[in-house]
């Protein structure tokens, strides 16, 4: 009788063993990886915003890693990314991982995260903006009648310059607000739109530490207090940098937080748009981007 009971107990224990093992080895939670790759425009930023929203609303996701390789792009799209990252970080840990570039609007996006990791040779910074202005404005075309001098136009050079300055000021203020005491450079230095490699960015407070994707994932899990975790990727991983094509797109003034000038576009002083360019040698001109203009 004792032998029968012992064998039965052994069989029952063997049957339950896989379930007991699984219960003790199930991960505590999940870290989601969201990728921002290439130039920032509505068609590329909207899917990333949507993935961040899904991660924020999904109770099974405990932390998020934002993997970034972007030179920036349009200001409104960059601002939308920043706000989506910031809103997600208010609900659960968000850690940024820079692999290549987080410049201009790309850097604006990572500012909303709790912590920024970067590889040593990645590029960060370029805190500045420029305006794209139509070369031919509707009010200068014969047969067009408007209700006001600037209706349907880019505005006067002075107005464009003022708008660019306000947009740049908001960007600089955002860096100061989000990076706070970590910064070792002045607002004036930030506003010069310099680009730093990853090691320099850690030294001046633009980033928190040197580390790759695995380090960022581990840091996100730690912030979520996970002893063990699984990782999931939201959205397709993309390879290579997408180009930001502007050809044929500019019909109104648009503002860009972009490191570098896109193909097919050139820089000209704002004053030149009204035929009053007065830039002395060595003087930095306020600039606009115009299609077909001479560099």
Protein backbone atom coordinates (compact mmCIF):
# COMPACT_ATOMS: atom_id res chain seq x y z
CA UNK A 1 0.00 0.00 0.00
CA UNK A 2 2.85 2.37 0.89
CA UNK A 3 4.58 1.62 -2.41
CA UNK A 4 1.42 2.38 -4.42
CA UNK A 5 0.92 5.71 -2.64
CA UNK A 6 4.58 6.63 -3.14
CA UNK A 7 4.43 5.83 -6.86
CA UNK A 8 1.20 7.79 -7.26
CA UNK A 9 2.75 10.77 -5.50
CA UNK A 10 5.77 10.57 -7.79
CA UNK A 11 3.59 10.47 -10.89
CA UNK A 12 1.49 13.42 -9.73
CA UNK A 13 4.63 15.38 -8.93
CA UNK A 14 6.09 14.65 -12.37
CA UNK A 15 2.91 15.81 -14.05
CA UNK A 16 2.92 19.09 -12.15
CA UNK A 17 6.63 19.75 -12.46
CA UNK A 18 6.53 21.59 -15.82
CA UNK A 19 3.86 23.96 -14.55
CA UNK A 20 5.73 24.64 -11.32
CA UNK A 21 8.95 25.29 -13.27
CA UNK A 22 7.14 27.67 -15.58
CA UNK A 23 5.59 29.55 -12.69
CA UNK A 24 8.99 30.21 -11.13
CA UNK A 25 10.67 31.18 -14.42
CA UNK A 26 8.06 33.42 -16.02
CA UNK A 27 9.57 36.94 -16.60
CA UNK A 28 8.43 39.71 -14.28
CA UNK A 29 7.54 42.00 -17.15
CA UNK A 30 8.16 43.33 -20.66
CA UNK A 31 10.38 46.03 -22.16
CA UNK A 32 9.19 47.32 -25.54
CA UNK A 33 11.62 48.70 -28.14
CA UNK A 34 10.37 51.46 -30.46
CA UNK A 35 12.59 52.62 -33.34
CA UNK A 36 12.88 56.12 -34.80
CA UNK A 37 14.91 55.91 -37.99
CA UNK A 38 15.69 58.55 -40.63
CA UNK A 39 14.24 61.95 -41.43
CA UNK A 40 11.28 63.21 -39.40
CA UNK A 41 8.12 64.10 -41.30
CA UNK A 42 4.48 63.22 -40.61
CA UNK A 43 4.65 60.03 -42.69
CA UNK A 44 7.60 58.75 -40.63
CA UNK A 45 6.79 60.22 -37.21
CA UNK A 46 3.09 59.33 -37.00
CA UNK A 47 3.74 55.54 -36.89
CA UNK A 48 6.31 56.05 -34.11
CA UNK A 49 3.86 58.19 -32.14
CA UNK A 50 1.24 55.46 -32.59
CA UNK A 51 3.64 52.78 -31.28
CA UNK A 52 4.47 54.92 -28.25
CA UNK A 53 0.75 55.37 -27.59
CA UNK A 54 0.26 51.59 -27.79
CA UNK A 55 3.14 50.99 -25.40
CA UNK A 56 1.77 53.56 -22.97
CA UNK A 57 -1.73 52.08 -22.98
CA UNK A 58 -0.66 48.41 -22.87
CA UNK A 59 -0.63 47.24 -19.25
CA UNK A 60 1.57 44.27 -20.12
CA UNK A 61 4.41 46.61 -21.17
CA UNK A 62 6.39 47.89 -18.19
CA UNK A 63 9.07 50.06 -19.84
CA UNK A 64 10.06 51.42 -23.25
CA UNK A 65 13.37 51.86 -25.06
CA UNK A 66 13.34 54.45 -27.84
CA UNK A 67 16.02 53.47 -30.36
CA UNK A 68 17.02 56.58 -32.37
CA UNK A 69 19.03 57.24 -35.50
CA UNK A 70 17.67 60.49 -36.94
CA UNK A 71 19.04 63.83 -38.21
CA UNK A 72 15.71 65.49 -37.44
CA UNK A 73 13.19 67.03 -39.80
CA UNK A 74 10.05 69.11 -39.63
CA UNK A 75 9.44 70.97 -36.40
CA UNK A 76 5.75 70.04 -35.85
CA UNK A 77 6.49 66.34 -36.40
CA UNK A 78 9.51 66.53 -34.09
CA UNK A 79 7.40 68.24 -31.43
CA UNK A 80 4.77 65.50 -31.74
CA UNK A 81 7.43 62.87 -31.12
CA UNK A 82 8.75 64.73 -28.09
CA UNK A 83 5.28 65.02 -26.59
CA UNK A 84 4.51 61.33 -27.22
CA UNK A 85 7.78 60.32 -25.52
CA UNK A 86 7.12 62.71 -22.62
CA UNK A 87 3.55 61.44 -22.14
CA UNK A 88 4.73 57.84 -22.18
CA UNK A 89 7.50 58.62 -19.67
CA UNK A 90 4.85 60.02 -17.33
CA UNK A 91 3.22 56.56 -17.23
CA UNK A 92 6.21 54.19 -17.34
CA UNK A 93 10.01 54.36 -17.74
CA UNK A 94 11.30 55.47 -21.14
CA UNK A 95 15.01 55.19 -21.94
CA UNK A 96 16.52 56.54 -25.17
CA UNK A 97 19.25 54.67 -27.04
CA UNK A 98 21.11 56.73 -29.66
CA UNK A 99 22.76 54.70 -32.41
CA UNK A 100 24.13 56.99 -35.11
CA UNK A 101 22.33 60.31 -34.80
CA UNK A 102 19.99 62.18 -32.51
CA UNK A 103 20.44 65.65 -33.94
CA UNK A 104 18.09 68.60 -34.24
CA UNK A 105 14.53 67.18 -34.24
CA UNK A 106 15.95 63.74 -33.46
CA UNK A 107 17.48 65.18 -30.30
CA UNK A 108 14.22 66.97 -29.50
CA UNK A 109 12.49 63.58 -29.51
CA UNK A 110 14.84 61.95 -26.99
CA UNK A 111 14.54 64.93 -24.61
CA UNK A 112 11.24 63.50 -23.39
CA UNK A 113 12.86 60.32 -22.11
CA UNK A 114 13.98 59.57 -18.54
CA UNK A 115 17.54 58.75 -19.55
CA UNK A 116 19.68 58.99 -22.70
CA UNK A 117 22.32 56.42 -23.64
CA UNK A 118 24.59 56.89 -26.64
CA UNK A 119 27.37 55.09 -28.42
CA UNK A 120 30.70 56.98 -28.25
CA UNK A 121 30.77 58.04 -31.91
CA UNK A 122 27.08 58.90 -32.32
CA UNK A 123 26.14 62.53 -32.99
CA UNK A 124 23.87 64.52 -30.68
CA UNK A 125 22.79 68.16 -30.53
CA UNK A 126 22.30 70.66 -33.37
CA UNK A 127 19.72 72.59 -31.34
CA UNK A 128 18.43 74.99 -33.97
CA UNK A 129 15.90 75.54 -36.76
CA UNK A 130 15.52 77.03 -40.21
CA UNK A 131 12.62 78.09 -42.38
CA UNK A 132 11.79 76.93 -45.88
CA UNK A 133 10.27 79.71 -47.97
CA UNK A 134 8.66 79.48 -51.44
CA UNK A 135 10.88 81.07 -54.07
CA UNK A 136 7.83 82.58 -55.76
CA UNK A 137 5.11 83.82 -53.43
CA UNK A 138 1.44 84.09 -54.52
CA UNK A 139 1.21 87.83 -53.87
CA UNK A 140 4.00 88.41 -56.40
CA UNK A 141 2.12 86.62 -59.16
CA UNK A 142 0.03 88.77 -61.48
CA UNK A 143 -3.69 88.26 -61.08
CA UNK A 144 -3.61 87.28 -57.39
CA UNK A 145 -5.63 89.50 -55.04
CA UNK A 146 -5.32 89.07 -51.27
CA UNK A 147 -7.12 90.58 -48.27
CA UNK A 148 -3.83 91.43 -46.57
CA UNK A 149 -0.23 91.97 -47.73
CA UNK A 150 1.00 88.72 -46.18
CA UNK A 151 -2.05 86.55 -46.89
CA UNK A 152 -0.89 83.38 -48.65
CA UNK A 153 2.77 84.39 -48.42
CA UNK A 154 5.75 83.53 -46.27
CA UNK A 155 5.54 86.95 -44.62
CA UNK A 156 8.19 89.63 -44.69
CA UNK A 157 11.85 88.71 -44.12
CA UNK A 158 11.63 90.28 -40.67
CA UNK A 159 8.56 88.19 -39.79
CA UNK A 160 10.22 84.99 -40.99
CA UNK A 161 13.34 85.82 -38.97
CA UNK A 162 11.23 86.52 -35.86
CA UNK A 163 9.35 83.24 -36.25
CA UNK A 164 12.57 81.28 -36.69
CA UNK A 165 14.00 82.93 -33.58
CA UNK A 166 10.91 82.08 -31.50
CA UNK A 167 11.01 78.45 -32.65
CA UNK A 168 14.73 78.20 -31.86
CA UNK A 169 14.14 79.77 -28.43
CA UNK A 170 11.50 77.15 -27.60
CA UNK A 171 13.94 74.39 -28.57
CA UNK A 172 16.74 75.81 -26.42
CA UNK A 173 14.37 76.27 -23.47
CA UNK A 174 13.26 72.65 -23.88
CA UNK A 175 16.86 71.42 -23.64
CA UNK A 176 17.45 73.48 -20.50
CA UNK A 177 14.17 72.34 -18.93
CA UNK A 178 14.62 68.64 -19.65
CA UNK A 179 18.38 68.25 -19.09
CA UNK A 180 18.47 70.61 -16.11
CA UNK A 181 21.43 70.32 -13.78
CA UNK A 182 23.09 67.71 -15.98
CA UNK A 183 24.10 70.45 -18.44
CA UNK A 184 27.59 71.90 -18.16
CA UNK A 185 27.19 74.32 -21.08
CA UNK A 186 25.38 77.66 -21.22
CA UNK A 187 22.18 78.49 -23.07
CA UNK A 188 24.25 80.59 -25.45
CA UNK A 189 26.41 77.59 -26.31
CA UNK A 190 23.33 75.40 -26.76
CA UNK A 191 21.81 77.95 -29.17
CA UNK A 192 24.87 77.74 -31.45
CA UNK A 193 23.53 74.40 -32.67
CA UNK A 194 26.78 72.53 -32.20
CA UNK A 195 26.95 68.77 -32.75
CA UNK A 196 28.75 66.58 -30.20
CA UNK A 197 29.93 63.01 -30.42
CA UNK A 198 28.53 60.62 -27.84
CA UNK A 199 31.44 60.95 -25.41
CA UNK A 200 31.28 64.76 -25.51
CA UNK A 201 27.50 64.66 -25.11
CA UNK A 202 27.88 62.70 -21.86
CA UNK A 203 30.47 65.19 -20.60
CA UNK A 204 28.33 68.27 -21.33
CA UNK A 205 25.03 66.79 -20.16
CA UNK A 206 23.34 66.27 -23.54
CA UNK A 207 23.30 62.53 -22.71
CA UNK A 208 23.54 60.53 -19.49
CA UNK A 209 25.92 57.67 -20.23
CA UNK A 210 27.72 55.71 -22.91
CA UNK A 211 25.96 52.46 -23.72
CA UNK A 212 24.30 50.48 -26.48
CA UNK A 213 20.87 48.98 -26.96
CA UNK A 214 21.37 46.18 -24.42
CA UNK A 215 22.47 48.70 -21.78
CA UNK A 216 19.42 50.85 -22.44
CA UNK A 217 17.08 47.86 -22.20
CA UNK A 218 18.63 46.80 -18.92
CA UNK A 219 18.35 50.35 -17.57
CA UNK A 220 14.68 50.53 -18.57
CA UNK A 221 14.02 47.22 -16.81
CA UNK A 222 15.80 48.46 -13.69
CA UNK A 223 13.72 51.64 -13.64
CA UNK A 224 10.60 49.46 -13.88
CA UNK A 225 11.97 47.32 -11.02
CA UNK A 226 11.94 44.13 -13.08
CA UNK A 227 14.19 41.30 -11.90
CA UNK A 228 13.58 39.41 -15.13
CA UNK A 229 12.00 40.57 -18.37
CA UNK A 230 11.27 39.82 -22.00
CA UNK A 231 11.77 42.31 -24.84
CA UNK A 232 9.39 42.99 -27.71
CA UNK A 233 9.80 45.23 -30.74
CA UNK A 234 6.86 47.40 -31.75
CA UNK A 235 6.80 48.09 -35.46
CA UNK A 236 9.24 46.96 -38.14
CA UNK A 237 12.97 47.41 -37.60
CA UNK A 238 14.38 49.45 -40.46
CA UNK A 239 17.93 49.54 -41.78
CA UNK A 240 19.63 52.56 -43.29
CA UNK A 241 18.64 56.20 -43.03
CA UNK A 242 15.62 57.44 -44.92
CA UNK A 243 16.15 60.58 -46.97
CA UNK A 244 13.96 63.60 -46.33
CA UNK A 245 12.79 64.61 -49.79
CA UNK A 246 11.43 68.13 -50.09
CA UNK A 247 11.31 68.48 -53.87
CA UNK A 248 8.03 69.97 -54.99
CA UNK A 249 6.65 70.08 -51.43
CA UNK A 250 7.21 73.69 -50.42
CA UNK A 251 4.22 75.94 -51.03
CA UNK A 252 4.12 77.68 -47.65
CA UNK A 253 6.71 78.53 -45.03
CA UNK A 254 7.79 75.45 -43.10
CA UNK A 255 10.11 75.11 -40.15
CA UNK A 256 12.74 72.43 -39.78
CA UNK A 257 14.80 71.10 -36.91
CA UNK A 258 17.17 69.30 -39.24
CA UNK A 259 20.93 68.79 -39.15
CA UNK A 260 22.17 69.61 -42.66
CA UNK A 261 20.51 70.87 -45.82
CA UNK A 262 18.35 68.41 -47.79
CA UNK A 263 19.26 67.48 -51.36
CA UNK A 264 17.95 69.86 -53.99
CA UNK A 265 17.81 72.86 -51.65
CA UNK A 266 20.19 75.72 -51.01
CA UNK A 267 20.71 78.40 -48.40
CA UNK A 268 20.29 82.10 -49.04
CA UNK A 269 20.13 85.04 -46.58
CA UNK A 270 16.61 86.11 -45.63
CA UNK A 271 17.43 89.64 -46.76
CA UNK A 272 18.08 88.33 -50.27
CA UNK A 273 14.44 87.34 -50.59
CA UNK A 274 13.56 91.03 -50.71
CA UNK A 275 16.64 92.03 -52.68
CA UNK A 276 18.31 93.71 -49.70
CA UNK A 277 21.14 91.35 -48.79
CA UNK A 278 23.68 93.20 -46.65
CA UNK A 279 25.81 90.42 -45.21
CA UNK A 280 29.41 91.43 -44.58
CA UNK A 281 32.28 88.93 -44.91
CA UNK A 282 32.53 86.84 -41.74
CA UNK A 283 29.07 87.84 -40.54
CA UNK A 284 26.56 85.05 -39.98
CA UNK A 285 23.36 85.71 -41.85
CA UNK A 286 19.95 84.66 -40.69
CA UNK A 287 19.07 82.12 -43.34
CA UNK A 288 16.10 80.65 -45.08
CA UNK A 289 15.97 77.61 -47.33
CA UNK A 290 14.55 78.27 -50.78
CA UNK A 291 13.97 76.00 -53.74
CA UNK A 292 16.10 76.79 -56.74
CA UNK A 293 17.99 79.61 -55.04
CA UNK A 294 21.71 80.11 -55.37
CA UNK A 295 23.84 78.98 -52.48
